[in-house]
Protein backbone atom coordinates (compact mmCIF):
# COMPACT_ATOMS: atom_id res chain seq x y z
CA PRO A 1 0.00 0.00 0.00
CA GLY A 2 1.06 3.54 -0.68
CA PHE A 3 2.03 5.93 2.09
CA GLU A 4 -0.91 8.15 1.14
CA ASN A 5 -3.32 5.34 1.94
CA LEU A 6 -1.71 4.75 5.32
CA THR A 7 -1.91 8.39 6.34
CA MET A 8 -5.45 8.88 5.09
CA GLY A 9 -7.42 10.12 8.08
CA TYR A 10 -4.20 10.14 10.16
CA ASN A 11 -4.03 12.92 12.77
CA LYS A 12 -0.38 13.71 13.56
CA TYR A 13 -1.41 15.91 16.49
CA LEU A 14 -2.72 12.95 18.48
CA ARG A 15 -0.40 10.34 19.93
CA PRO A 16 -0.95 6.62 19.33
CA TYR A 17 -3.45 5.04 21.75
CA PHE A 18 -4.81 8.49 22.44
CA GLY A 19 -7.02 8.40 25.54
CA GLY A 20 -5.75 4.91 26.39
CA GLU A 21 -2.51 3.30 27.51
CA PRO A 22 0.74 5.28 27.24
CA VAL A 23 3.05 4.92 24.25
CA GLN A 24 6.14 2.83 25.00
CA ILE A 25 9.23 4.36 23.44
CA ALA A 26 12.44 2.34 23.36
CA MET A 27 15.71 4.20 22.78
CA SER A 28 19.28 3.38 21.85
CA LEU A 29 22.16 5.63 20.94
CA ASP A 30 25.68 5.61 19.55
CA ILE A 31 28.32 8.04 20.77
CA ALA A 32 30.13 9.10 17.61
CA SER A 33 32.56 11.46 19.34
CA ILE A 34 33.18 13.65 22.35
CA SER A 35 35.05 16.54 20.84
CA SER A 36 35.81 18.62 23.90
CA ILE A 37 35.49 18.57 27.66
CA SER A 38 35.80 22.01 29.17
CA GLU A 39 36.69 22.50 32.84
CA SER A 40 36.27 26.27 32.50
CA ASP A 41 32.66 26.07 31.24
CA MET A 42 31.98 22.71 32.94
CA ASP A 43 30.45 21.03 29.92
CA TYR A 44 31.23 18.56 27.17
CA THR A 45 30.35 18.45 23.47
CA ALA A 46 29.26 15.17 21.93
CA THR A 47 27.89 13.95 18.62
CA ILE A 48 25.32 11.18 19.05
CA TYR A 49 23.04 9.01 16.94
CA LEU A 50 19.73 8.87 18.77
CA ARG A 51 17.29 6.13 17.76
CA GLN A 52 13.69 5.95 19.00
CA ARG A 53 11.22 3.11 18.43
CA TRP A 54 7.49 3.03 19.13
CA THR A 55 4.41 1.36 17.69
CA ASP A 56 1.60 3.27 16.03
CA PRO A 57 -1.37 0.93 15.26
CA ARG A 58 -2.69 3.45 12.73
CA LEU A 59 0.24 2.62 10.42
CA VAL A 60 -0.15 -1.20 10.32
CA PHE A 61 -0.03 -2.72 6.85
CA HIS A 62 0.06 -6.24 5.40
CA GLY A 63 3.35 -7.87 4.48
CA ASN A 64 6.71 -8.59 6.07
CA LYS A 65 8.63 -5.74 4.54
CA SER A 66 9.87 -2.50 6.06
CA PHE A 67 10.05 0.80 4.23
CA THR A 68 12.60 3.56 4.66
CA LEU A 69 10.81 6.83 4.03
CA ASP A 70 12.11 10.20 3.04
CA ALA A 71 13.12 12.19 6.12
CA ARG A 72 10.85 15.03 5.07
CA LEU A 73 7.82 12.80 5.60
CA VAL A 74 8.42 12.99 9.33
CA GLU A 75 6.41 16.20 9.22
CA LEU A 76 3.32 14.09 8.47
CA LEU A 77 3.72 11.71 11.44
CA TRP A 78 3.49 11.95 15.21
CA VAL A 79 6.95 11.81 16.84
CA PRO A 80 7.94 11.98 20.53
CA ASP A 81 8.94 15.35 21.95
CA THR A 82 12.23 14.10 23.37
CA TYR A 83 14.78 16.68 24.46
CA ILE A 84 18.25 16.61 26.05
CA VAL A 85 18.25 17.76 29.65
CA GLU A 86 20.96 20.30 30.66
CA SER A 87 21.79 20.95 27.02
CA LYS A 88 23.33 24.37 26.37
CA ARG A 89 23.50 24.21 22.59
CA SER A 90 22.28 21.54 20.18
CA PHE A 91 21.71 21.21 16.48
CA LEU A 92 20.74 18.61 13.88
CA HIS A 93 23.17 18.00 11.05
CA ASP A 94 21.81 18.93 7.64
CA VAL A 95 24.61 18.13 5.17
CA THR A 96 23.76 17.21 2.52
CA VAL A 97 20.20 16.85 3.75
CA GLY A 98 18.76 16.70 7.24
CA ASN A 99 20.35 13.71 8.99
CA ARG A 100 17.12 11.98 9.95
CA LEU A 101 15.80 8.51 9.29
CA ILE A 102 12.22 7.21 9.23
CA ARG A 103 11.67 3.47 8.83
CA LEU A 104 8.21 1.90 8.94
CA PHE A 105 7.56 -1.76 9.75
CA SER A 106 4.46 -3.77 8.89
CA ASN A 107 3.31 -4.09 12.52
CA GLY A 108 3.21 -0.30 12.83
CA THR A 109 6.61 0.05 14.52
CA ILE A 110 8.44 3.25 13.60
CA LEU A 111 12.19 3.75 13.81
CA TYR A 112 13.16 7.41 14.05
CA ALA A 113 16.91 8.18 14.04
CA LEU A 114 18.64 11.54 14.42
CA ARG A 115 22.23 12.77 14.30
CA ILE A 116 22.70 15.44 16.98
CA THR A 117 25.64 17.48 18.21
CA THR A 118 25.02 18.85 21.68
CA THR A 119 26.90 20.68 24.40
CA VAL A 120 25.75 19.41 27.78
CA ALA A 121 26.52 20.77 31.23
CA CYS A 122 28.58 18.54 33.52
CA ASN A 123 29.05 19.51 37.14
CA MET A 124 32.70 18.87 37.97
CA ASP A 125 34.52 18.62 41.27
CA LEU A 126 38.02 19.97 40.58
CA SER A 127 39.37 19.68 44.12
CA LYS A 128 41.60 16.76 43.03
CA TYR A 129 42.59 18.23 39.64
CA PRO A 130 44.54 16.83 37.78
CA MET A 131 44.08 13.49 39.57
CA ASP A 132 40.31 13.72 39.39
CA THR A 133 37.57 11.49 38.03
CA GLN A 134 34.49 13.24 36.66
CA THR A 135 31.00 11.79 36.29
CA CYS A 136 28.95 13.23 33.43
CA ARG A 137 25.44 12.50 32.24
CA LEU A 138 23.41 12.50 29.07
CA GLN A 139 19.73 12.68 30.01
CA LEU A 140 16.76 12.25 27.65
CA GLU A 141 13.33 13.32 28.76
CA SER A 142 9.86 13.96 27.35
CA TRP A 143 9.06 17.65 27.19
CA GLY A 144 5.27 17.75 27.18
CA TYR A 145 3.95 14.20 27.55
CA ASP A 146 3.97 12.93 31.13
CA GLU A 147 4.15 9.30 32.23
CA ASN A 148 0.40 8.87 31.62
CA ASP A 149 0.99 9.45 27.91
CA VAL A 150 4.55 8.24 27.26
CA THR A 151 6.96 5.79 28.89
CA PHE A 152 10.69 5.62 28.14
CA ALA A 153 12.90 2.53 28.23
CA TRP A 154 16.34 1.51 27.02
CA LEU A 155 16.06 -0.97 24.15
CA ARG A 156 18.67 -3.43 25.48
CA GLY A 157 19.78 -2.04 28.84
CA ASN A 158 23.49 -1.16 28.94
CA ASP A 159 23.88 -2.68 25.47
CA SER A 160 21.69 0.12 24.13
CA VAL A 161 24.74 2.42 24.15
CA HIS A 162 27.57 1.87 21.68
CA GLY A 163 30.73 3.68 20.70
CA ILE A 164 31.63 5.08 24.09
CA GLU A 165 34.11 2.29 24.82
CA LYS A 166 35.98 3.10 21.60
CA LEU A 167 36.44 6.80 22.30
CA ARG A 168 39.97 8.18 22.42
CA LEU A 169 40.05 11.45 24.33
CA SER A 170 43.05 13.76 24.72
CA GLN A 171 42.95 14.17 28.50
CA TYR A 172 40.53 11.50 29.70
CA THR A 173 39.96 7.77 29.73
CA VAL A 174 36.42 6.40 29.95
CA GLU A 175 36.38 4.24 33.07
CA ARG A 176 32.85 2.83 32.88
CA TYR A 177 29.31 3.74 31.88
CA TYR A 178 25.83 2.54 32.69
CA THR A 179 22.21 3.36 31.88
CA LEU A 180 19.42 4.35 34.25
CA VAL A 181 15.65 4.81 34.01
CA SER A 182 14.23 7.59 36.13
CA LYS A 183 11.41 10.11 36.46
CA SER A 184 11.47 13.87 36.64
CA GLN A 185 8.97 15.28 39.08
CA GLN A 186 7.96 18.80 38.10
CA GLU A 187 5.09 21.14 38.83
CA THR A 188 3.29 20.15 35.63
CA GLY A 189 3.59 16.41 36.23
CA SER A 190 5.92 13.43 36.33
CA TYR A 191 7.91 12.92 33.15
CA PRO A 192 9.90 9.85 32.04
CA ARG A 193 13.68 10.22 31.82
CA LEU A 194 16.52 8.05 30.56
CA ILE A 195 20.06 8.60 31.84
CA LEU A 196 23.42 7.61 30.41
CA GLN A 197 26.08 8.09 33.07
CA PHE A 198 29.79 7.72 32.34
CA GLU A 199 32.95 8.28 34.38
CA LEU A 200 36.00 10.01 32.94
CA ARG A 201 39.43 9.66 34.55
CA ARG A 202 41.95 12.35 33.70
CA ASN A 203 45.34 11.29 32.34
CA VAL A 204 47.86 12.77 34.78
CA LEU A 205 51.06 12.02 32.82
CA TYR A 206 50.91 15.32 30.91
CA PHE A 207 50.65 17.32 34.13
CA ILE A 208 53.50 15.37 35.74
CA LEU A 209 55.81 16.29 32.85
CA GLU A 210 54.45 19.83 32.51
CA THR A 211 54.15 20.97 36.13
CA TYR A 212 55.08 18.45 38.83
CA VAL A 213 58.58 17.58 37.56
CA PRO A 214 59.68 21.22 36.91
CA SER A 215 58.39 22.40 40.29
CA THR A 216 60.15 19.51 42.08
CA LEU A 217 63.41 20.28 40.26
CA LEU A 218 63.14 23.94 41.27
CA VAL A 219 62.83 22.90 44.91
CA MET A 220 65.91 20.71 44.58
CA LEU A 221 67.75 23.55 42.87
CA SER A 222 67.06 25.81 45.85
CA TRP A 223 68.90 23.30 48.07
CA VAL A 224 72.15 23.92 46.16
CA SER A 225 72.63 27.10 48.18
CA PHE A 226 73.15 25.01 51.35
CA TRP A 227 76.50 23.81 49.94
CA ILE A 228 77.71 27.38 49.25
CA THR A 229 79.51 29.24 52.03
CA LEU A 230 77.78 32.03 53.91
CA ASP A 231 80.29 34.59 52.62
CA SER A 232 79.15 34.07 49.00
CA VAL A 233 76.27 36.51 49.23
CA PRO A 234 75.70 37.11 45.46
CA ALA A 235 75.69 33.38 44.61
CA ARG A 236 73.26 32.33 47.31
CA THR A 237 70.98 35.33 46.84
CA CYS A 238 70.89 34.77 43.07
CA ILE A 239 69.88 31.12 43.46
CA GLY A 240 67.15 31.97 45.99
CA VAL A 241 65.62 34.84 44.05
CA THR A 242 65.81 33.01 40.69
CA THR A 243 64.05 29.92 42.01
CA VAL A 244 61.35 32.02 43.68
CA LEU A 245 60.65 33.94 40.46
CA SER A 246 60.66 30.75 38.36
CA MET A 247 58.23 29.10 40.74
CA THR A 248 55.96 32.15 40.63
CA THR A 249 55.92 32.02 36.82
CA LEU A 250 55.09 28.31 36.92
CA MET A 251 52.18 28.92 39.31
CA ILE A 252 50.77 31.72 37.16
CA GLY A 253 51.01 29.56 34.03
CA SER A 254 49.20 26.63 35.63
CA ARG A 255 46.34 28.84 36.81
CA SER A 256 45.97 30.79 33.57
CA SER A 257 44.85 27.64 31.72
CA LEU A 258 41.89 27.37 34.11
CA SER A 259 41.16 31.04 34.59
CA LYS A 260 37.44 30.54 35.23
CA THR A 261 37.95 27.89 37.91
CA ASN A 262 40.32 29.79 40.18
CA CYS A 263 37.74 29.66 42.96
CA PHE A 264 38.64 25.98 43.40
CA ILE A 265 41.66 24.99 45.50
CA LYS A 266 42.92 22.21 43.27
CA ALA A 267 45.44 19.49 44.04
CA ILE A 268 47.95 21.04 41.67
CA ASP A 269 47.61 24.38 43.48
CA VAL A 270 48.37 22.65 46.78
CA TYR A 271 51.52 21.06 45.37
CA LEU A 272 52.73 24.29 43.79
CA GLY A 273 52.09 26.06 47.08
CA ILE A 274 54.15 23.43 48.91
CA CYS A 275 57.02 23.83 46.44
CA PHE A 276 56.88 27.60 46.68
CA SER A 277 57.00 27.39 50.49
CA PHE A 278 60.12 25.22 50.41
CA ILE A 279 61.85 27.50 47.91
CA PHE A 280 60.96 30.57 49.93
CA GLY A 281 62.06 28.77 53.09
CA ALA A 282 65.49 28.11 51.57
CA LEU A 283 65.86 31.82 50.86
CA VAL A 284 64.77 32.74 54.38
CA GLU A 285 67.20 30.15 55.78
CA TYR A 286 70.11 31.95 54.18
CA ALA A 287 68.87 35.29 55.50
CA VAL A 288 68.74 33.87 59.05
CA ALA A 289 72.15 32.21 58.79
CA HIS A 290 73.80 35.31 57.31
CA TYR A 291 72.24 37.60 59.91
CA SER A 292 73.36 35.32 62.75
CA SER A 293 76.88 35.21 61.31
CA SER A 294 77.07 39.00 61.07
CA GLN A 295 75.77 39.38 64.63
CA LYS A 296 78.40 36.91 65.86
CA CYS A 297 81.13 38.97 64.26
CA ALA A 298 79.64 42.19 65.66
CA ASP A 299 79.65 40.73 69.19
CA LYS A 300 83.34 39.87 68.97
CA THR A 301 84.43 43.31 67.75
CA PRO A 302 83.26 45.42 70.75
CA GLN A 303 84.89 42.97 73.20
CA GLU A 304 88.26 43.28 71.52
CA GLY A 305 88.08 47.02 70.83
CA PRO A 306 87.94 48.56 74.34
CA ALA A 307 90.55 46.13 75.65
CA ASN A 308 93.01 47.19 72.96
CA GLU A 309 92.29 50.86 73.54
CA LEU A 310 92.81 50.40 77.30
CA THR A 311 96.12 48.62 76.68
CA LYS A 312 97.30 51.41 74.41
CA GLU A 313 96.32 54.04 76.93
CA MET A 314 98.18 52.19 79.69
CA GLU A 315 101.28 51.97 77.50
CA GLU A 316 101.17 55.69 76.76
CA VAL A 317 100.77 56.75 80.40
CA ASN A 318 103.92 58.10 81.95
CA ILE A 319 105.18 56.36 85.13
CA THR A 320 105.57 59.66 86.95
CA ASP A 321 101.91 60.48 86.23
CA ILE A 322 100.81 57.19 87.81
CA ILE A 323 102.86 57.89 90.93
CA ASN A 324 101.52 61.43 91.23
CA SER A 325 97.89 60.37 90.79
CA SER A 326 95.91 59.53 93.87
CA ILE A 327 95.01 55.99 94.73
CA THR A 328 91.33 56.88 95.04
CA SER A 329 91.13 58.40 91.57
CA TYR A 330 92.87 55.34 90.12
CA LYS A 331 90.41 52.99 91.82
CA ARG A 332 87.50 55.10 90.63
CA LYS A 333 88.84 55.02 87.09
CA ILE A 334 89.26 51.25 87.18
CA SER A 335 85.73 50.78 88.57
CA PHE A 336 84.22 52.98 85.82
CA THR A 337 86.15 51.07 83.19
CA SER A 338 84.95 47.72 84.51
CA ILE A 339 81.36 48.96 84.51
CA GLU A 340 81.66 50.10 80.89
CA ILE A 341 83.16 46.82 79.77
CA SER A 342 80.64 44.58 81.57
CA SER A 343 77.54 46.69 81.17
CA ASN A 344 75.48 43.66 80.28
CA ASN A 345 76.05 42.05 83.66
CA VAL A 346 75.14 44.90 85.99
CA ASN A 347 74.25 43.85 89.51
CA CYS A 348 70.67 44.95 90.09
CA SER A 349 70.80 44.28 93.83
CA ASP A 350 72.83 47.40 94.58
CA LEU A 351 71.29 49.20 97.56
CA THR A 352 72.16 52.63 96.16
CA MET A 353 69.97 52.11 93.03
CA LYS A 354 66.49 53.55 92.91
CA THR A 355 63.35 51.44 92.42
CA HIS A 356 62.66 52.39 88.78
CA GLU A 357 66.32 51.85 87.95
CA LYS A 358 66.14 48.36 89.46
CA ILE A 359 63.03 47.58 87.34
CA LYS A 360 64.78 48.77 84.20
CA CYS A 361 67.82 46.73 85.12
CA VAL A 362 65.78 43.55 85.63
CA LEU A 363 63.91 44.00 82.35
CA ARG A 364 67.16 44.65 80.52
CA ASN A 365 68.70 41.47 81.88
CA LYS A 366 65.62 39.41 80.94
CA MET A 367 65.66 40.82 77.41
CA HIS A 368 69.30 39.87 77.07
CA ARG A 369 68.50 36.33 78.25
CA ILE A 370 65.63 36.01 75.74
CA ILE A 371 67.77 37.32 72.88
CA SER A 372 70.63 35.01 73.84
CA TYR A 373 68.16 32.09 73.93
CA PHE A 374 67.12 32.67 70.30
CA THR A 375 70.60 33.58 69.15
CA ILE A 376 72.26 30.91 67.03
CA GLN A 377 75.61 30.15 68.60
CA ASN A 378 77.13 28.58 65.48
CA PRO A 379 75.59 29.95 62.22
CA SER A 380 77.36 27.32 60.11
CA ASN A 381 75.18 24.64 61.73
CA VAL A 382 72.10 26.17 60.08
CA ASP A 383 73.30 25.04 56.64
CA HIS A 384 74.47 21.74 58.07
CA TYR A 385 71.04 20.87 59.45
CA SER A 386 69.20 22.32 56.44
CA LYS A 387 71.01 19.89 54.11
CA LEU A 388 69.26 17.06 55.91
CA LEU A 389 65.98 18.56 57.13
CA PHE A 390 64.80 20.22 53.91
CA PRO A 391 65.00 17.09 51.68
CA LEU A 392 63.68 14.83 54.43
CA PHE A 393 60.69 17.02 55.18
CA PHE A 394 59.97 17.53 51.46
CA MET A 395 59.91 13.75 50.90
CA LEU A 396 57.60 13.31 53.88
CA VAL A 397 55.18 15.95 52.58
CA ASN A 398 55.19 14.29 49.14
CA VAL A 399 54.28 10.93 50.66
CA PHE A 400 51.27 12.43 52.43
CA TYR A 401 50.29 14.48 49.36
CA TRP A 402 50.26 11.62 46.84
CA ALA A 403 48.69 9.18 49.30
CA TYR A 404 45.83 11.56 50.04
CA TYR A 405 44.99 12.59 46.48
CA LEU A 406 45.42 9.14 44.93
CA TYR A 407 43.75 6.93 47.52
CA PHE A 408 41.32 9.12 49.46
């Protein structure tokens, strides 16, 4: 029979079994490609072949043959109002003609196939980036017909989806996928929904070569300064400042690629922050060691200076002047000299001192004790201990870092 005879008296505005049982629509799809997965926009773009099957008793004809109709004849038939949930942009391919297929079977079953490219939102958790695994969905739902009019089902369960296991993505590997049947409860009713859920694991090798290895080498480079003497100020300062600036550039470069996701504290940001802290700590270590060394030299100079001046003065004094001077003036001079030399160890229990002078004296002595407590007695030991502590602590932090982000 001709198609005109089948559609005679056919009302495309009414669904099959109108006023009776709901239409059962079975779906299957092929994933042709996933062209891009964007962390900045949190979406992915995929090209799919969507196939829908349902039975319309108004189109039953005699025979065992099936007919493939011109795609433009779909305008004369009732078709489901399926749409892609969370789709941002979608379009049907139309080269060289609209990529649609209508096939009619003798029992009234209709196969309706479409080629669609769609950009779908995918909520991503980037806290473990780049060692993350993302779960994305492709959801198909009826727009206007609720579950009293239409029911959705996968044609063959998980086997209804093909092509996804053959995908080769630049940054991801498809771990697994599965299909679900659900319902969407809205104000206007309960609508049938089919869900394809797939997990994508990011390939971390690129980021190890691009970011992790250079940042680790910069940290190790900052440790070279521990083997340079404290007197080589330009060499040690140059290494510290250069490594800090290089690490800063590396951090800026890693964040610029994900400019719209800077609100997330990602795993790579944590590692770069750790590396920057160790590099900055190596620079601060040299500043502390050099300052302690200069203070040590400054403490030795005043002790030797007055003693030498006193010796010279005693050599220049004439013997006759010593004899003619009074014993009391000589004792007074010696006592003043001893007080000037040992001013740090003034006895605060002198009865002739006033109360506020005693308080000042006690506070001064306590301050000297506190300063001496934090004063490094041997500045060269700072580099000696840093050679061991910096690498050991960096290895320990790495163990905790990789264990947490890979296994928790």
